[in-house]
Amino acid sequence: MLFGQVLNFIAARTFLSSYPGFTISVFSIWLCLCVIALTTVIALVAGLAPANRAAKLDPVESLRYE
């Protein structure tokens, strides 16, 4: 997000100076926070689901080699 703001600042003063109000990057802080929250939830579900399934197994049966 910071890089996008810097890019907008530079572009507005150089090659986009004839287009006032036009921006290249328009990510807002709430959108970034929502993406972080969504990916955190997905990672937790992806990690906890197999861990819960493995926790229910008998350790001796799991480690036995046939």
PDB file of N, CA and C in Angstrom:
ATOM      1  N   MET A   1       0.829  -1.182   0.000  1.00  0.00           N
ATOM      2  CA  MET A   1       0.000   0.000   0.000  1.00  0.00           C
ATOM      3  C   MET A   1       0.876   1.249   0.000  1.00  0.00           C
ATOM      4  N   LEU A   2       1.939   1.199   0.784  1.00  0.00           N
ATOM      5  CA  LEU A   2       2.862   2.336   0.829  1.00  0.00           C
ATOM      6  C   LEU A   2       3.534   2.544  -0.527  1.00  0.00           C
ATOM      7  N   PHE A   3       3.940   1.452  -1.164  1.00  0.00           N
ATOM      8  CA  PHE A   3       4.549   1.547  -2.492  1.00  0.00           C
ATOM      9  C   PHE A   3       3.569   2.149  -3.492  1.00  0.00           C
ATOM     10  N   GLY A   4       2.307   1.768  -3.407  1.00  0.00           N
ATOM     11  CA  GLY A   4       1.289   2.322  -4.294  1.00  0.00           C
ATOM     12  C   GLY A   4       1.108   3.817  -4.098  1.00  0.00           C
ATOM     13  N   GLN A   5       1.141   4.256  -2.857  1.00  0.00           N
ATOM     14  CA  GLN A   5       1.020   5.688  -2.583  1.00  0.00           C
ATOM     15  C   GLN A   5       2.214   6.465  -3.130  1.00  0.00           C
ATOM     16  N   VAL A   6       3.395   5.897  -2.975  1.00  0.00           N
ATOM     17  CA  VAL A   6       4.597   6.543  -3.519  1.00  0.00           C
ATOM     18  C   VAL A   6       4.523   6.590  -5.041  1.00  0.00           C
ATOM     19  N   LEU A   7       4.079   5.488  -5.657  1.00  0.00           N
ATOM     20  CA  LEU A   7       3.932   5.444  -7.105  1.00  0.00           C
ATOM     21  C   LEU A   7       2.926   6.482  -7.596  1.00  0.00           C
ATOM     22  N   ASN A   8       1.814   6.625  -6.900  1.00  0.00           N
ATOM     23  CA  ASN A   8       0.825   7.656  -7.263  1.00  0.00           C
ATOM     24  C   ASN A   8       1.419   9.059  -7.157  1.00  0.00           C
ATOM     25  N   PHE A   9       2.172   9.300  -6.109  1.00  0.00           N
ATOM     26  CA  PHE A   9       2.779  10.611  -5.893  1.00  0.00           C
ATOM     27  C   PHE A   9       3.741  10.959  -7.025  1.00  0.00           C
ATOM     28  N   ILE A  10       4.590  10.001  -7.377  1.00  0.00           N
ATOM     29  CA  ILE A  10       5.573  10.237  -8.438  1.00  0.00           C
ATOM     30  C   ILE A  10       4.869  10.397  -9.790  1.00  0.00           C
ATOM     31  N   ALA A  11       3.893   9.534 -10.057  1.00  0.00           N
ATOM     32  CA  ALA A  11       3.199   9.579 -11.350  1.00  0.00           C
ATOM     33  C   ALA A  11       2.418  10.878 -11.517  1.00  0.00           C
ATOM     34  N   ALA A  12       1.810  11.367 -10.443  1.00  0.00           N
ATOM     35  CA  ALA A  12       1.026  12.600 -10.537  1.00  0.00           C
ATOM     36  C   ALA A  12       1.895  13.801 -10.856  1.00  0.00           C
ATOM     37  N   ARG A  13       3.164  13.739 -10.495  1.00  0.00           N
ATOM     38  CA  ARG A  13       4.050  14.870 -10.752  1.00  0.00           C
ATOM     39  C   ARG A  13       4.877  14.692 -12.026  1.00  0.00           C
ATOM     40  N   THR A  14       4.794  13.521 -12.663  1.00  0.00           N
ATOM     41  CA  THR A  14       5.585  13.305 -13.888  1.00  0.00           C
ATOM     42  C   THR A  14       4.661  12.987 -15.061  1.00  0.00           C
ATOM     43  N   PHE A  15       4.496  11.727 -15.388  1.00  0.00           N
ATOM     44  CA  PHE A  15       3.798  11.356 -16.622  1.00  0.00           C
ATOM     45  C   PHE A  15       2.281  11.424 -16.535  1.00  0.00           C
ATOM     46  N   LEU A  16       1.691  11.576 -15.359  1.00  0.00           N
ATOM     47  CA  LEU A  16       0.242  11.741 -15.243  1.00  0.00           C
ATOM     48  C   LEU A  16      -0.156  13.165 -14.871  1.00  0.00           C
ATOM     49  N   SER A  17       0.759  14.095 -15.048  1.00  0.00           N
ATOM     50  CA  SER A  17       0.467  15.476 -14.636  1.00  0.00           C
ATOM     51  C   SER A  17      -0.642  16.106 -15.477  1.00  0.00           C
ATOM     52  N   SER A  18      -0.850  15.617 -16.689  1.00  0.00           N
ATOM     53  CA  SER A  18      -1.917  16.184 -17.521  1.00  0.00           C
ATOM     54  C   SER A  18      -3.270  15.530 -17.262  1.00  0.00           C
ATOM     55  N   TYR A  19      -3.314  14.545 -16.357  1.00  0.00           N
ATOM     56  CA  TYR A  19      -4.567  13.871 -15.985  1.00  0.00           C
ATOM     57  C   TYR A  19      -4.822  14.024 -14.488  1.00  0.00           C
ATOM     58  N   PRO A  20      -5.306  15.156 -14.046  1.00  0.00           N
ATOM     59  CA  PRO A  20      -5.507  15.357 -12.602  1.00  0.00           C
ATOM     60  C   PRO A  20      -6.581  14.411 -12.053  1.00  0.00           C
ATOM     61  N   GLY A  21      -6.319  13.863 -10.909  1.00  0.00           N
ATOM     62  CA  GLY A  21      -7.270  12.965 -10.263  1.00  0.00           C
ATOM     63  C   GLY A  21      -7.097  11.512 -10.650  1.00  0.00           C
ATOM     64  N   PHE A  22      -6.303  11.214 -11.674  1.00  0.00           N
ATOM     65  CA  PHE A  22      -6.084   9.839 -12.107  1.00  0.00           C
ATOM     66  C   PHE A  22      -4.994   9.217 -11.241  1.00  0.00           C
ATOM     67  N   THR A  23      -5.260   8.034 -10.708  1.00  0.00           N
ATOM     68  CA  THR A  23      -4.278   7.348  -9.877  1.00  0.00           C
ATOM     69  C   THR A  23      -4.032   5.948 -10.419  1.00  0.00           C
ATOM     70  N   ILE A  24      -2.871   5.411 -10.135  1.00  0.00           N
ATOM     71  CA  ILE A  24      -2.505   4.069 -10.573  1.00  0.00           C
ATOM     72  C   ILE A  24      -2.931   3.034  -9.544  1.00  0.00           C
ATOM     73  N   SER A  25      -2.640   3.298  -8.302  1.00  0.00           N
ATOM     74  CA  SER A  25      -2.937   2.364  -7.223  1.00  0.00           C
ATOM     75  C   SER A  25      -3.980   2.980  -6.300  1.00  0.00           C
ATOM     76  N   VAL A  26      -5.089   2.267  -6.069  1.00  0.00           N
ATOM     77  CA  VAL A  26      -6.165   2.819  -5.253  1.00  0.00           C
ATOM     78  C   VAL A  26      -6.568   1.862  -4.126  1.00  0.00           C
ATOM     79  N   PHE A  27      -5.603   1.255  -3.470  1.00  0.00           N
ATOM     80  CA  PHE A  27      -5.893   0.376  -2.350  1.00  0.00           C
ATOM     81  C   PHE A  27      -6.117   1.205  -1.096  1.00  0.00           C
ATOM     82  N   SER A  28      -7.208   0.932  -0.416  1.00  0.00           N
ATOM     83  CA  SER A  28      -7.474   1.641   0.836  1.00  0.00           C
ATOM     84  C   SER A  28      -7.033   0.765   2.003  1.00  0.00           C
ATOM     85  N   ILE A  29      -6.915   1.370   3.161  1.00  0.00           N
ATOM     86  CA  ILE A  29      -6.438   0.655   4.338  1.00  0.00           C
ATOM     87  C   ILE A  29      -7.422  -0.423   4.768  1.00  0.00           C
ATOM     88  N   TRP A  30      -8.724  -0.172   4.653  1.00  0.00           N
ATOM     89  CA  TRP A  30      -9.703  -1.176   5.067  1.00  0.00           C
ATOM     90  C   TRP A  30      -9.663  -2.384   4.142  1.00  0.00           C
ATOM     91  N   LEU A  31      -9.386  -2.170   2.867  1.00  0.00           N
ATOM     92  CA  LEU A  31      -9.290  -3.292   1.936  1.00  0.00           C
ATOM     93  C   LEU A  31      -8.077  -4.157   2.271  1.00  0.00           C
ATOM     94  N   CYS A  32      -6.971  -3.542   2.591  1.00  0.00           N
ATOM     95  CA  CYS A  32      -5.776  -4.291   2.984  1.00  0.00           C
ATOM     96  C   CYS A  32      -6.032  -5.082   4.257  1.00  0.00           C
ATOM     97  N   LEU A  33      -6.706  -4.491   5.214  1.00  0.00           N
ATOM     98  CA  LEU A  33      -7.007  -5.197   6.465  1.00  0.00           C
ATOM     99  C   LEU A  33      -7.957  -6.366   6.237  1.00  0.00           C
ATOM    100  N   CYS A  34      -8.925  -6.195   5.352  1.00  0.00           N
ATOM    101  CA  CYS A  34      -9.855  -7.294   5.040  1.00  0.00           C
ATOM    102  C   CYS A  34      -9.139  -8.447   4.359  1.00  0.00           C
ATOM    103  N   VAL A  35      -8.218  -8.150   3.480  1.00  0.00           N
ATOM    104  CA  VAL A  35      -7.451  -9.200   2.805  1.00  0.00           C
ATOM    105  C   VAL A  35      -6.584  -9.945   3.808  1.00  0.00           C
ATOM    106  N   ILE A  36      -5.952  -9.235   4.714  1.00  0.00           N
ATOM    107  CA  ILE A  36      -5.139  -9.875   5.748  1.00  0.00           C
ATOM    108  C   ILE A  36      -5.998 -10.765   6.635  1.00  0.00           C
ATOM    109  N   ALA A  37      -7.168 -10.291   7.027  1.00  0.00           N
ATOM    110  CA  ALA A  37      -8.062 -11.083   7.874  1.00  0.00           C
ATOM    111  C   ALA A  37      -8.556 -12.327   7.142  1.00  0.00           C
ATOM    112  N   LEU A  38      -8.923 -12.190   5.880  1.00  0.00           N
ATOM    113  CA  LEU A  38      -9.416 -13.331   5.105  1.00  0.00           C
ATOM    114  C   LEU A  38      -8.332 -14.393   4.927  1.00  0.00           C
ATOM    115  N   THR A  39      -7.138 -13.987   4.584  1.00  0.00           N
ATOM    116  CA  THR A  39      -6.062 -14.961   4.404  1.00  0.00           C
ATOM    117  C   THR A  39      -5.670 -15.617   5.726  1.00  0.00           C
ATOM    118  N   THR A  40      -5.790 -14.902   6.830  1.00  0.00           N
ATOM    119  CA  THR A  40      -5.522 -15.494   8.139  1.00  0.00           C
ATOM    120  C   THR A  40      -6.540 -16.572   8.467  1.00  0.00           C
ATOM    121  N   VAL A  41      -7.799 -16.307   8.200  1.00  0.00           N
ATOM    122  CA  VAL A  41      -8.855 -17.300   8.449  1.00  0.00           C
ATOM    123  C   VAL A  41      -8.654 -18.528   7.572  1.00  0.00           C
ATOM    124  N   ILE A  42      -8.338 -18.335   6.314  1.00  0.00           N
ATOM    125  CA  ILE A  42      -8.105 -19.461   5.410  1.00  0.00           C
ATOM    126  C   ILE A  42      -6.912 -20.287   5.877  1.00  0.00           C
ATOM    127  N   ALA A  43      -5.844 -19.647   6.302  1.00  0.00           N
ATOM    128  CA  ALA A  43      -4.664 -20.363   6.782  1.00  0.00           C
ATOM    129  C   ALA A  43      -4.966 -21.135   8.062  1.00  0.00           C
ATOM    130  N   LEU A  44      -5.753 -20.546   8.956  1.00  0.00           N
ATOM    131  CA  LEU A  44      -6.119 -21.248  10.189  1.00  0.00           C
ATOM    132  C   LEU A  44      -6.956 -22.486   9.901  1.00  0.00           C
ATOM    133  N   VAL A  45      -7.925 -22.371   9.022  1.00  0.00           N
ATOM    134  CA  VAL A  45      -8.760 -23.522   8.671  1.00  0.00           C
ATOM    135  C   VAL A  45      -7.920 -24.590   7.983  1.00  0.00           C
ATOM    136  N   ALA A  46      -7.040 -24.184   7.074  1.00  0.00           N
ATOM    137  CA  ALA A  46      -6.197 -25.135   6.359  1.00  0.00           C
ATOM    138  C   ALA A  46      -5.214 -25.842   7.281  1.00  0.00           C
ATOM    139  N   GLY A  47      -4.809 -25.198   8.355  1.00  0.00           N
ATOM    140  CA  GLY A  47      -3.873 -25.805   9.290  1.00  0.00           C
ATOM    141  C   GLY A  47      -4.541 -26.586  10.403  1.00  0.00           C
ATOM    142  N   LEU A  48      -5.666 -26.095  10.890  1.00  0.00           N
ATOM    143  CA  LEU A  48      -6.323 -26.741  12.031  1.00  0.00           C
ATOM    144  C   LEU A  48      -7.126 -27.974  11.651  1.00  0.00           C
ATOM    145  N   ALA A  49      -7.698 -28.010  10.476  1.00  0.00           N
ATOM    146  CA  ALA A  49      -8.508 -29.165  10.070  1.00  0.00           C
ATOM    147  C   ALA A  49      -7.672 -30.448  10.033  1.00  0.00           C
ATOM    148  N   PRO A  50      -6.532 -30.491   9.360  1.00  0.00           N
ATOM    149  CA  PRO A  50      -5.720 -31.721   9.393  1.00  0.00           C
ATOM    150  C   PRO A  50      -5.128 -32.001  10.778  1.00  0.00           C
ATOM    151  N   ALA A  51      -4.819 -30.960  11.522  1.00  0.00           N
ATOM    152  CA  ALA A  51      -4.257 -31.160  12.857  1.00  0.00           C
ATOM    153  C   ALA A  51      -5.277 -31.807  13.789  1.00  0.00           C
ATOM    154  N   ASN A  52      -6.528 -31.387  13.704  1.00  0.00           N
ATOM    155  CA  ASN A  52      -7.569 -32.013  14.533  1.00  0.00           C
ATOM    156  C   ASN A  52      -7.786 -33.466  14.136  1.00  0.00           C
ATOM    157  N   ARG A  53      -7.753 -33.757  12.846  1.00  0.00           N
ATOM    158  CA  ARG A  53      -7.921 -35.122  12.386  1.00  0.00           C
ATOM    159  C   ARG A  53      -6.757 -35.990  12.869  1.00  0.00           C
ATOM    160  N   ALA A  54      -5.541 -35.477  12.816  1.00  0.00           N
ATOM    161  CA  ALA A  54      -4.370 -36.227  13.268  1.00  0.00           C
ATOM    162  C   ALA A  54      -4.367 -36.403  14.781  1.00  0.00           C
ATOM    163  N   ALA A  55      -4.912 -35.453  15.514  1.00  0.00           N
ATOM    164  CA  ALA A  55      -4.936 -35.549  16.972  1.00  0.00           C
ATOM    165  C   ALA A  55      -5.863 -36.666  17.453  1.00  0.00           C
ATOM    166  N   LYS A  56      -6.825 -37.046  16.633  1.00  0.00           N
ATOM    167  CA  LYS A  56      -7.765 -38.092  17.021  1.00  0.00           C
ATOM    168  C   LYS A  56      -7.225 -39.503  16.758  1.00  0.00           C
ATOM    169  N   LEU A  57      -6.108 -39.613  16.047  1.00  0.00           N
ATOM    170  CA  LEU A  57      -5.537 -40.917  15.739  1.00  0.00           C
ATOM    171  C   LEU A  57      -4.754 -41.469  16.920  1.00  0.00           C
ATOM    172  N   ASP A  58      -4.666 -42.783  16.967  1.00  0.00           N
ATOM    173  CA  ASP A  58      -3.864 -43.451  17.995  1.00  0.00           C
ATOM    174  C   ASP A  58      -2.391 -43.320  17.605  1.00  0.00           C
ATOM    175  N   PRO A  59      -1.543 -42.804  18.493  1.00  0.00           N
ATOM    176  CA  PRO A  59      -0.139 -42.587  18.137  1.00  0.00           C
ATOM    177  C   PRO A  59       0.591 -43.879  17.763  1.00  0.00           C
ATOM    178  N   VAL A  60       0.290 -44.959  18.454  1.00  0.00           N
ATOM    179  CA  VAL A  60       0.974 -46.225  18.172  1.00  0.00           C
ATOM    180  C   VAL A  60       0.599 -46.713  16.775  1.00  0.00           C
ATOM    181  N   GLU A  61      -0.658 -46.625  16.428  1.00  0.00           N
ATOM    182  CA  GLU A  61      -1.100 -47.047  15.095  1.00  0.00           C
ATOM    183  C   GLU A  61      -0.531 -46.127  14.017  1.00  0.00           C
ATOM    184  N   SER A  62      -0.393 -44.873  14.320  1.00  0.00           N
ATOM    185  CA  SER A  62       0.136 -43.934  13.341  1.00  0.00           C
ATOM    186  C   SER A  62       1.604 -44.166  13.061  1.00  0.00           C
ATOM    187  N   LEU A  63       2.370 -44.567  14.076  1.00  0.00           N
ATOM    188  CA  LEU A  63       3.818 -44.749  13.933  1.00  0.00           C
ATOM    189  C   LEU A  63       4.198 -46.166  13.501  1.00  0.00           C
ATOM    190  N   ARG A  64       3.279 -47.080  13.525  1.00  0.00           N
ATOM    191  CA  ARG A  64       3.587 -48.463  13.156  1.00  0.00           C
ATOM    192  C   ARG A  64       3.869 -48.542  11.661  1.00  0.00           C
ATOM    193  N   TYR A  65       4.957 -49.218  11.337  1.00  0.00           N
ATOM    194  CA  TYR A  65       5.334 -49.408   9.937  1.00  0.00           C
ATOM    195  C   TYR A  65       4.960 -50.814   9.517  1.00  0.00           C
ATOM    196  N   GLU A  66       4.243 -50.935   8.414  1.00  0.00           N
ATOM    197  CA  GLU A  66       3.840 -52.263   7.963  1.00  0.00           C
ATOM    198  C   GLU A  66       4.798 -52.798   6.951  1.00  0.00           C
TER     199      GLU A  66
END
